[in-house]
Amino acid sequence: LLLAFYIAALIVSTTFKEMPPILKRGIQPPDFPQLLLISLILLTAIMAWFGPVQITDKLQPSVYGTMALMAVFAGLAQIDIFLALGIFAAALAALWGERRMAALGLVGVVVPATIFFVFDLVFDIRFPRGLLTNIWYG
């Protein structure tokens, strides 16, 4: 199922429009998702070949909590992607057992900030505008 999803997403990513060469400031829109999807396809195929998963137990409550957090992330991303990343990262760490408030704070701030600045400064890709991103973009 994962491979089918990844391949379908890869096919969809080939329909992204490319920027004209004069406007190109970084990678093209389909390049990054395609790189990720090809990596996921290869890693999933390797995992299936060398160590197929055999499910014998029921899903743990943390699995359902993770799915709920993904829905919360999708909702918060409509307000601000950076805010959504921070809340999602901290809440997920707490759900998975992290209890130290300092660690949760770092995960909620450092991880999203790193992702934000890598995409913005290194890949030259801008996040959609929102509450916090408007502060950075002006």
C-alpha atoms as a PDB file:
ATOM      1  CA  LEU A   1       0.000   0.000   0.000  1.00  0.00           C
ATOM      2  CA  LEU A   2       2.821   2.383   0.809  1.00  0.00           C
ATOM      3  CA  LEU A   3       4.542   1.747  -2.494  1.00  0.00           C
ATOM      4  CA  ALA A   4       1.278   2.328  -4.376  1.00  0.00           C
ATOM      5  CA  PHE A   5       0.752   5.621  -2.524  1.00  0.00           C
ATOM      6  CA  TYR A   6       4.337   6.763  -3.174  1.00  0.00           C
ATOM      7  CA  ILE A   7       4.123   5.903  -6.866  1.00  0.00           C
ATOM      8  CA  ALA A   8       0.770   7.705  -7.208  1.00  0.00           C
ATOM      9  CA  ALA A   9       2.230  10.781  -5.469  1.00  0.00           C
ATOM     10  CA  LEU A  10       5.276  10.625  -7.746  1.00  0.00           C
ATOM     11  CA  ILE A  11       3.013  10.582 -10.805  1.00  0.00           C
ATOM     12  CA  VAL A  12       1.075  13.578  -9.448  1.00  0.00           C
ATOM     13  CA  SER A  13       4.344  15.441  -8.828  1.00  0.00           C
ATOM     14  CA  THR A  14       5.199  15.195 -12.532  1.00  0.00           C
ATOM     15  CA  THR A  15       2.236  17.477 -13.275  1.00  0.00           C
ATOM     16  CA  PHE A  16       3.710  20.430 -11.325  1.00  0.00           C
ATOM     17  CA  LYS A  17       4.488  23.416 -13.487  1.00  0.00           C
ATOM     18  CA  GLU A  18       8.132  24.351 -13.896  1.00  0.00           C
ATOM     19  CA  MET A  19       9.386  27.883 -13.528  1.00  0.00           C
ATOM     20  CA  PRO A  20      10.800  29.658 -16.581  1.00  0.00           C
ATOM     21  CA  PRO A  21      14.632  29.689 -16.474  1.00  0.00           C
ATOM     22  CA  ILE A  22      14.718  33.451 -15.931  1.00  0.00           C
ATOM     23  CA  LEU A  23      12.632  33.122 -12.733  1.00  0.00           C
ATOM     24  CA  LYS A  24      14.386  30.033 -11.363  1.00  0.00           C
ATOM     25  CA  ARG A  25      15.922  30.839  -7.968  1.00  0.00           C
ATOM     26  CA  GLY A  26      16.403  27.341  -6.592  1.00  0.00           C
ATOM     27  CA  ILE A  27      15.134  23.883  -7.320  1.00  0.00           C
ATOM     28  CA  GLN A  28      12.067  23.450  -9.499  1.00  0.00           C
ATOM     29  CA  PRO A  29       8.717  22.740  -7.746  1.00  0.00           C
ATOM     30  CA  PRO A  30       8.609  19.004  -8.591  1.00  0.00           C
ATOM     31  CA  ASP A  31      12.270  18.309  -7.747  1.00  0.00           C
ATOM     32  CA  PHE A  32      12.087  18.096  -3.945  1.00  0.00           C
ATOM     33  CA  PRO A  33       8.922  15.951  -3.673  1.00  0.00           C
ATOM     34  CA  GLN A  34      10.263  13.638  -6.367  1.00  0.00           C
ATOM     35  CA  LEU A  35      13.565  13.260  -4.527  1.00  0.00           C
ATOM     36  CA  LEU A  36      11.736  12.397  -1.313  1.00  0.00           C
ATOM     37  CA  LEU A  37       9.330  10.005  -3.010  1.00  0.00           C
ATOM     38  CA  ILE A  38      12.079   8.148  -4.877  1.00  0.00           C
ATOM     39  CA  SER A  39      13.984   7.816  -1.581  1.00  0.00           C
ATOM     40  CA  LEU A  40      10.849   6.497   0.154  1.00  0.00           C
ATOM     41  CA  ILE A  41      10.184   4.022  -2.659  1.00  0.00           C
ATOM     42  CA  LEU A  42      13.742   2.689  -2.463  1.00  0.00           C
ATOM     43  CA  LEU A  43      13.760   2.479   1.349  1.00  0.00           C
ATOM     44  CA  THR A  44      10.340   0.779   1.446  1.00  0.00           C
ATOM     45  CA  ALA A  45      11.410  -1.745  -1.187  1.00  0.00           C
ATOM     46  CA  ILE A  46      14.606  -2.500   0.759  1.00  0.00           C
ATOM     47  CA  MET A  47      12.640  -2.856   3.989  1.00  0.00           C
ATOM     48  CA  ALA A  48      10.106  -5.189   2.338  1.00  0.00           C
ATOM     49  CA  TRP A  49      12.880  -7.287   0.818  1.00  0.00           C
ATOM     50  CA  PHE A  50      15.156  -7.663   3.843  1.00  0.00           C
ATOM     51  CA  GLY A  51      12.714  -7.570   6.751  1.00  0.00           C
ATOM     52  CA  PRO A  52       9.044  -7.831   5.901  1.00  0.00           C
ATOM     53  CA  VAL A  53       6.755  -6.571   8.655  1.00  0.00           C
ATOM     54  CA  GLN A  54       4.499  -9.141  10.257  1.00  0.00           C
ATOM     55  CA  ILE A  55       1.775  -7.585  12.382  1.00  0.00           C
ATOM     56  CA  THR A  56       0.719  -9.756  15.303  1.00  0.00           C
ATOM     57  CA  ASP A  57      -0.544  -7.181  17.818  1.00  0.00           C
ATOM     58  CA  LYS A  58      -3.307  -4.610  17.863  1.00  0.00           C
ATOM     59  CA  LEU A  59      -2.397  -1.000  17.157  1.00  0.00           C
ATOM     60  CA  GLN A  60      -1.254   0.907  20.219  1.00  0.00           C
ATOM     61  CA  PRO A  61      -3.138   4.019  21.346  1.00  0.00           C
ATOM     62  CA  SER A  62      -0.168   6.176  20.309  1.00  0.00           C
ATOM     63  CA  VAL A  63      -0.867   5.239  16.672  1.00  0.00           C
ATOM     64  CA  TYR A  64      -4.363   6.691  16.904  1.00  0.00           C
ATOM     65  CA  GLY A  65      -2.992   9.730  18.721  1.00  0.00           C
ATOM     66  CA  THR A  66      -0.452  10.258  15.958  1.00  0.00           C
ATOM     67  CA  MET A  67      -3.198  10.133  13.339  1.00  0.00           C
ATOM     68  CA  ALA A  68      -5.236  12.657  15.330  1.00  0.00           C
ATOM     69  CA  LEU A  69      -2.200  14.938  15.574  1.00  0.00           C
ATOM     70  CA  MET A  70      -1.795  14.767  11.802  1.00  0.00           C
ATOM     71  CA  ALA A  71      -5.375  16.015  11.453  1.00  0.00           C
ATOM     72  CA  VAL A  72      -4.634  18.823  13.928  1.00  0.00           C
ATOM     73  CA  PHE A  73      -1.500  19.669  11.930  1.00  0.00           C
ATOM     74  CA  ALA A  74      -3.537  19.899   8.722  1.00  0.00           C
ATOM     75  CA  GLY A  75      -5.931  22.311  10.398  1.00  0.00           C
ATOM     76  CA  LEU A  76      -3.223  24.469  11.958  1.00  0.00           C
ATOM     77  CA  ALA A  77      -1.296  24.586   8.682  1.00  0.00           C
ATOM     78  CA  GLN A  78      -4.151  26.652   7.287  1.00  0.00           C
ATOM     79  CA  ILE A  79      -3.292  29.324   9.872  1.00  0.00           C
ATOM     80  CA  ASP A  80       0.513  29.074   9.677  1.00  0.00           C
ATOM     81  CA  ILE A  81       2.731  26.186   8.581  1.00  0.00           C
ATOM     82  CA  PHE A  82       5.536  27.187  10.954  1.00  0.00           C
ATOM     83  CA  LEU A  83       3.181  27.313  13.941  1.00  0.00           C
ATOM     84  CA  ALA A  84       1.688  23.968  12.891  1.00  0.00           C
ATOM     85  CA  LEU A  85       5.150  22.353  12.662  1.00  0.00           C
ATOM     86  CA  GLY A  86       6.075  23.562  16.149  1.00  0.00           C
ATOM     87  CA  ILE A  87       2.883  22.391  17.832  1.00  0.00           C
ATOM     88  CA  PHE A  88       2.919  19.091  15.960  1.00  0.00           C
ATOM     89  CA  ALA A  89       6.569  18.335  16.812  1.00  0.00           C
ATOM     90  CA  ALA A  90       6.140  19.096  20.535  1.00  0.00           C
ATOM     91  CA  ALA A  91       2.796  17.299  20.832  1.00  0.00           C
ATOM     92  CA  LEU A  92       4.127  14.236  18.998  1.00  0.00           C
ATOM     93  CA  ALA A  93       7.186  14.067  21.259  1.00  0.00           C
ATOM     94  CA  ALA A  94       4.907  14.314  24.322  1.00  0.00           C
ATOM     95  CA  LEU A  95       2.571  11.646  22.927  1.00  0.00           C
ATOM     96  CA  TRP A  96       5.515   9.300  22.378  1.00  0.00           C
ATOM     97  CA  GLY A  97       6.663   9.644  25.972  1.00  0.00           C
ATOM     98  CA  GLU A  98       8.910  12.691  26.317  1.00  0.00           C
ATOM     99  CA  ARG A  99       8.161  14.375  29.657  1.00  0.00           C
ATOM    100  CA  ARG A 100      10.968  16.934  30.036  1.00  0.00           C
ATOM    101  CA  MET A 101       9.505  20.358  29.339  1.00  0.00           C
ATOM    102  CA  ALA A 102      12.864  21.735  28.122  1.00  0.00           C
ATOM    103  CA  ALA A 103      13.176  18.938  25.544  1.00  0.00           C
ATOM    104  CA  LEU A 104       9.590  19.456  24.402  1.00  0.00           C
ATOM    105  CA  GLY A 105      10.234  23.182  24.053  1.00  0.00           C
ATOM    106  CA  LEU A 106      13.380  22.561  22.020  1.00  0.00           C
ATOM    107  CA  VAL A 107      11.610  20.089  19.763  1.00  0.00           C
ATOM    108  CA  GLY A 108       8.711  22.498  19.332  1.00  0.00           C
ATOM    109  CA  VAL A 109      10.978  25.431  18.438  1.00  0.00           C
ATOM    110  CA  VAL A 110      14.342  24.144  17.136  1.00  0.00           C
ATOM    111  CA  VAL A 111      13.063  21.441  14.765  1.00  0.00           C
ATOM    112  CA  PRO A 112      10.535  23.660  12.965  1.00  0.00           C
ATOM    113  CA  ALA A 113      12.950  26.615  12.915  1.00  0.00           C
ATOM    114  CA  THR A 114      15.646  24.416  11.369  1.00  0.00           C
ATOM    115  CA  ILE A 115      13.226  23.126   8.741  1.00  0.00           C
ATOM    116  CA  PHE A 116      12.020  26.659   8.039  1.00  0.00           C
ATOM    117  CA  PHE A 117      15.481  28.167   7.635  1.00  0.00           C
ATOM    118  CA  VAL A 118      16.868  25.256   5.590  1.00  0.00           C
ATOM    119  CA  PHE A 119      14.019  25.579   3.109  1.00  0.00           C
ATOM    120  CA  ASP A 120      14.053  29.378   3.095  1.00  0.00           C
ATOM    121  CA  LEU A 121      17.793  30.073   3.087  1.00  0.00           C
ATOM    122  CA  VAL A 122      19.323  26.936   1.533  1.00  0.00           C
ATOM    123  CA  PHE A 123      16.704  25.697  -0.932  1.00  0.00           C
ATOM    124  CA  ASP A 124      15.338  29.209  -1.515  1.00  0.00           C
ATOM    125  CA  ILE A 125      11.777  27.922  -1.116  1.00  0.00           C
ATOM    126  CA  ARG A 126       9.254  30.110   0.702  1.00  0.00           C
ATOM    127  CA  PHE A 127       6.578  28.836   3.013  1.00  0.00           C
ATOM    128  CA  PRO A 128       3.025  30.060   2.487  1.00  0.00           C
ATOM    129  CA  ARG A 129       2.287  33.246   4.403  1.00  0.00           C
ATOM    130  CA  GLY A 130       0.726  32.924   7.840  1.00  0.00           C
ATOM    131  CA  LEU A 131       0.849  34.413  11.320  1.00  0.00           C
ATOM    132  CA  LEU A 132       4.532  33.719  12.021  1.00  0.00           C
ATOM    133  CA  THR A 133       5.866  33.584   8.491  1.00  0.00           C
ATOM    134  CA  ASN A 134       4.596  37.112   7.859  1.00  0.00           C
ATOM    135  CA  ILE A 135       6.996  38.304  10.572  1.00  0.00           C
ATOM    136  CA  TRP A 136      10.002  36.810   8.715  1.00  0.00           C
ATOM    137  CA  TYR A 137       8.902  37.762   5.213  1.00  0.00           C
ATOM    138  CA  GLY A 138       7.778  41.247   6.252  1.00  0.00           C
END
